[in-house]
Amino acid sequence: LYEAKVFLRSYADAIECIKQSAERTESLKRYEAVMNKIIQAKNTDEINFEYDKVIKGPKFKEMKEYKLFQFSNYVFKKYFPTFDGYAGDYDGLKKLLNDGYANLKKDAGEQ
């Protein structure tokens, strides 16, 4: 019985070690992907560095992230124009969101 308990504790420790190793490996992969994106953005003049600050580069508006933000902002303002500064009740907010979603679906040809 004692040997079985020792074995099970060792097994549980090994599983925990593997889990921590996998989490660390995944964390390093995410860090590497972010760093590669930063290096790429720097090399293509999308961003620059000024001392310890990241600043816009000459080609900042060509960044994929910038274009995605612009598109998202356009969609949000078109279909949910009164959302910013909304101070109404919950039912009004639901209506605002449902109406915007319905209009978005209609324009996308899903209705």
C-alpha atoms as a PDB file:
ATOM      1  CA  LEU A   1       0.000   0.000   0.000  1.00  0.00           C
ATOM      2  CA  TYR A   2       2.841   2.393   0.887  1.00  0.00           C
ATOM      3  CA  GLU A   3       4.567   1.732  -2.456  1.00  0.00           C
ATOM      4  CA  ALA A   4       1.324   2.397  -4.328  1.00  0.00           C
ATOM      5  CA  LYS A   5       0.905   5.767  -2.575  1.00  0.00           C
ATOM      6  CA  VAL A   6       4.500   6.719  -3.353  1.00  0.00           C
ATOM      7  CA  PHE A   7       4.011   5.690  -6.983  1.00  0.00           C
ATOM      8  CA  LEU A   8       0.788   7.706  -7.286  1.00  0.00           C
ATOM      9  CA  ARG A   9       2.400  10.790  -5.732  1.00  0.00           C
ATOM     10  CA  SER A  10       5.348  10.465  -8.094  1.00  0.00           C
ATOM     11  CA  TYR A  11       2.962  10.028 -11.014  1.00  0.00           C
ATOM     12  CA  ALA A  12       0.956  13.126  -9.983  1.00  0.00           C
ATOM     13  CA  ASP A  13       4.188  15.123  -9.639  1.00  0.00           C
ATOM     14  CA  ALA A  14       5.315  13.994 -13.085  1.00  0.00           C
ATOM     15  CA  ILE A  15       1.961  15.024 -14.615  1.00  0.00           C
ATOM     16  CA  GLU A  16       2.200  18.446 -12.929  1.00  0.00           C
ATOM     17  CA  CYS A  17       5.767  18.858 -14.191  1.00  0.00           C
ATOM     18  CA  ILE A  18       4.693  18.042 -17.760  1.00  0.00           C
ATOM     19  CA  LYS A  19       1.787  20.478 -17.474  1.00  0.00           C
ATOM     20  CA  GLN A  20       4.070  23.285 -16.264  1.00  0.00           C
ATOM     21  CA  SER A  21       6.562  22.513 -19.022  1.00  0.00           C
ATOM     22  CA  ALA A  22       3.823  22.659 -21.675  1.00  0.00           C
ATOM     23  CA  GLU A  23       2.518  25.964 -20.281  1.00  0.00           C
ATOM     24  CA  ARG A  24       5.997  27.428 -20.323  1.00  0.00           C
ATOM     25  CA  THR A  25       6.625  26.221 -23.867  1.00  0.00           C
ATOM     26  CA  GLU A  26       3.345  27.780 -25.014  1.00  0.00           C
ATOM     27  CA  SER A  27       4.194  31.028 -23.227  1.00  0.00           C
ATOM     28  CA  LEU A  28       7.576  31.152 -24.959  1.00  0.00           C
ATOM     29  CA  LYS A  29       5.922  30.542 -28.347  1.00  0.00           C
ATOM     30  CA  ARG A  30       3.506  33.443 -27.757  1.00  0.00           C
ATOM     31  CA  TYR A  31       6.382  35.682 -26.677  1.00  0.00           C
ATOM     32  CA  GLU A  32       8.368  34.712 -29.771  1.00  0.00           C
ATOM     33  CA  ALA A  33       5.403  35.477 -32.053  1.00  0.00           C
ATOM     34  CA  VAL A  34       4.905  38.901 -30.474  1.00  0.00           C
ATOM     35  CA  MET A  35       8.607  39.717 -30.663  1.00  0.00           C
ATOM     36  CA  ASN A  36       8.751  38.645 -34.315  1.00  0.00           C
ATOM     37  CA  LYS A  37       5.799  40.936 -35.082  1.00  0.00           C
ATOM     38  CA  ILE A  38       7.510  43.847 -33.310  1.00  0.00           C
ATOM     39  CA  ILE A  39      10.767  43.222 -35.185  1.00  0.00           C
ATOM     40  CA  GLN A  40       8.887  42.966 -38.481  1.00  0.00           C
ATOM     41  CA  ALA A  41       6.995  46.197 -37.773  1.00  0.00           C
ATOM     42  CA  LYS A  42      10.265  47.948 -36.942  1.00  0.00           C
ATOM     43  CA  ASN A  43      11.980  46.612 -40.074  1.00  0.00           C
ATOM     44  CA  THR A  44       9.105  47.765 -42.307  1.00  0.00           C
ATOM     45  CA  ASP A  45       8.967  51.240 -40.695  1.00  0.00           C
ATOM     46  CA  GLU A  46       5.500  50.690 -39.237  1.00  0.00           C
ATOM     47  CA  ILE A  47       6.824  51.531 -35.776  1.00  0.00           C
ATOM     48  CA  ASN A  48       9.984  53.072 -34.360  1.00  0.00           C
ATOM     49  CA  PHE A  49      11.504  53.393 -30.942  1.00  0.00           C
ATOM     50  CA  GLU A  50      12.413  56.601 -29.198  1.00  0.00           C
ATOM     51  CA  TYR A  51      14.324  55.774 -26.058  1.00  0.00           C
ATOM     52  CA  ASP A  52      11.923  53.545 -24.127  1.00  0.00           C
ATOM     53  CA  LYS A  53       8.797  54.460 -26.108  1.00  0.00           C
ATOM     54  CA  VAL A  54       7.215  52.927 -29.182  1.00  0.00           C
ATOM     55  CA  ILE A  55       6.211  55.591 -31.696  1.00  0.00           C
ATOM     56  CA  LYS A  56       4.441  55.567 -35.057  1.00  0.00           C
ATOM     57  CA  GLY A  57       6.669  54.960 -38.005  1.00  0.00           C
ATOM     58  CA  PRO A  58       6.242  56.436 -41.501  1.00  0.00           C
ATOM     59  CA  LYS A  59       4.235  53.381 -42.590  1.00  0.00           C
ATOM     60  CA  PHE A  60       2.154  53.027 -39.406  1.00  0.00           C
ATOM     61  CA  LYS A  61      -1.150  53.196 -41.275  1.00  0.00           C
ATOM     62  CA  GLU A  62      -0.093  50.235 -43.431  1.00  0.00           C
ATOM     63  CA  MET A  63      -0.022  47.889 -40.416  1.00  0.00           C
ATOM     64  CA  LYS A  64      -2.537  45.076 -40.571  1.00  0.00           C
ATOM     65  CA  GLU A  65      -3.597  45.814 -36.995  1.00  0.00           C
ATOM     66  CA  TYR A  66      -4.230  49.464 -37.821  1.00  0.00           C
ATOM     67  CA  LYS A  67      -6.366  48.529 -40.816  1.00  0.00           C
ATOM     68  CA  LEU A  68      -8.320  45.981 -38.762  1.00  0.00           C
ATOM     69  CA  PHE A  69      -8.953  48.611 -36.100  1.00  0.00           C
ATOM     70  CA  GLN A  70     -10.146  51.092 -38.714  1.00  0.00           C
ATOM     71  CA  PHE A  71     -12.520  48.526 -40.222  1.00  0.00           C
ATOM     72  CA  SER A  72     -13.841  47.496 -36.791  1.00  0.00           C
ATOM     73  CA  ASN A  73     -14.348  51.131 -35.874  1.00  0.00           C
ATOM     74  CA  TYR A  74     -16.232  51.742 -39.151  1.00  0.00           C
ATOM     75  CA  VAL A  75     -18.545  48.745 -38.570  1.00  0.00           C
ATOM     76  CA  PHE A  76     -19.171  49.733 -34.956  1.00  0.00           C
ATOM     77  CA  LYS A  77     -20.010  53.345 -35.814  1.00  0.00           C
ATOM     78  CA  LYS A  78     -22.251  52.307 -38.733  1.00  0.00           C
ATOM     79  CA  TYR A  79     -24.308  49.692 -36.894  1.00  0.00           C
ATOM     80  CA  PHE A  80     -24.112  50.942 -33.291  1.00  0.00           C
ATOM     81  CA  PRO A  81     -23.839  54.724 -33.736  1.00  0.00           C
ATOM     82  CA  THR A  82     -25.395  55.680 -30.399  1.00  0.00           C
ATOM     83  CA  PHE A  83     -23.462  53.184 -28.298  1.00  0.00           C
ATOM     84  CA  ASP A  84     -20.720  55.618 -27.268  1.00  0.00           C
ATOM     85  CA  GLY A  85     -22.068  57.712 -24.459  1.00  0.00           C
ATOM     86  CA  TYR A  86     -25.201  55.602 -24.067  1.00  0.00           C
ATOM     87  CA  ALA A  87     -26.770  56.338 -20.686  1.00  0.00           C
ATOM     88  CA  GLY A  88     -30.103  54.560 -20.992  1.00  0.00           C
ATOM     89  CA  ASP A  89     -31.451  51.490 -19.268  1.00  0.00           C
ATOM     90  CA  TYR A  90     -30.648  47.839 -19.915  1.00  0.00           C
ATOM     91  CA  ASP A  91     -33.667  47.259 -22.175  1.00  0.00           C
ATOM     92  CA  GLY A  92     -32.661  50.216 -24.328  1.00  0.00           C
ATOM     93  CA  LEU A  93     -29.130  48.863 -24.592  1.00  0.00           C
ATOM     94  CA  LYS A  94     -30.434  45.449 -25.648  1.00  0.00           C
ATOM     95  CA  LYS A  95     -32.586  47.105 -28.318  1.00  0.00           C
ATOM     96  CA  LEU A  96     -29.661  49.175 -29.559  1.00  0.00           C
ATOM     97  CA  LEU A  97     -27.458  46.088 -29.857  1.00  0.00           C
ATOM     98  CA  ASN A  98     -30.163  43.858 -31.357  1.00  0.00           C
ATOM     99  CA  ASP A  99     -31.135  46.496 -33.933  1.00  0.00           C
ATOM    100  CA  GLY A 100     -27.513  47.024 -34.939  1.00  0.00           C
ATOM    101  CA  TYR A 101     -26.957  43.285 -35.229  1.00  0.00           C
ATOM    102  CA  ALA A 102     -30.119  42.868 -37.323  1.00  0.00           C
ATOM    103  CA  ASN A 103     -29.004  45.660 -39.684  1.00  0.00           C
ATOM    104  CA  LEU A 104     -25.562  44.103 -39.966  1.00  0.00           C
ATOM    105  CA  LYS A 105     -27.074  40.734 -40.863  1.00  0.00           C
ATOM    106  CA  LYS A 106     -29.410  42.388 -43.397  1.00  0.00           C
ATOM    107  CA  ASP A 107     -26.532  44.209 -45.103  1.00  0.00           C
ATOM    108  CA  ALA A 108     -24.536  40.972 -45.143  1.00  0.00           C
ATOM    109  CA  GLY A 109     -27.455  39.261 -46.903  1.00  0.00           C
ATOM    110  CA  GLU A 110     -28.278  36.845 -44.112  1.00  0.00           C
ATOM    111  CA  GLN A 111     -31.970  37.751 -43.777  1.00  0.00           C
END
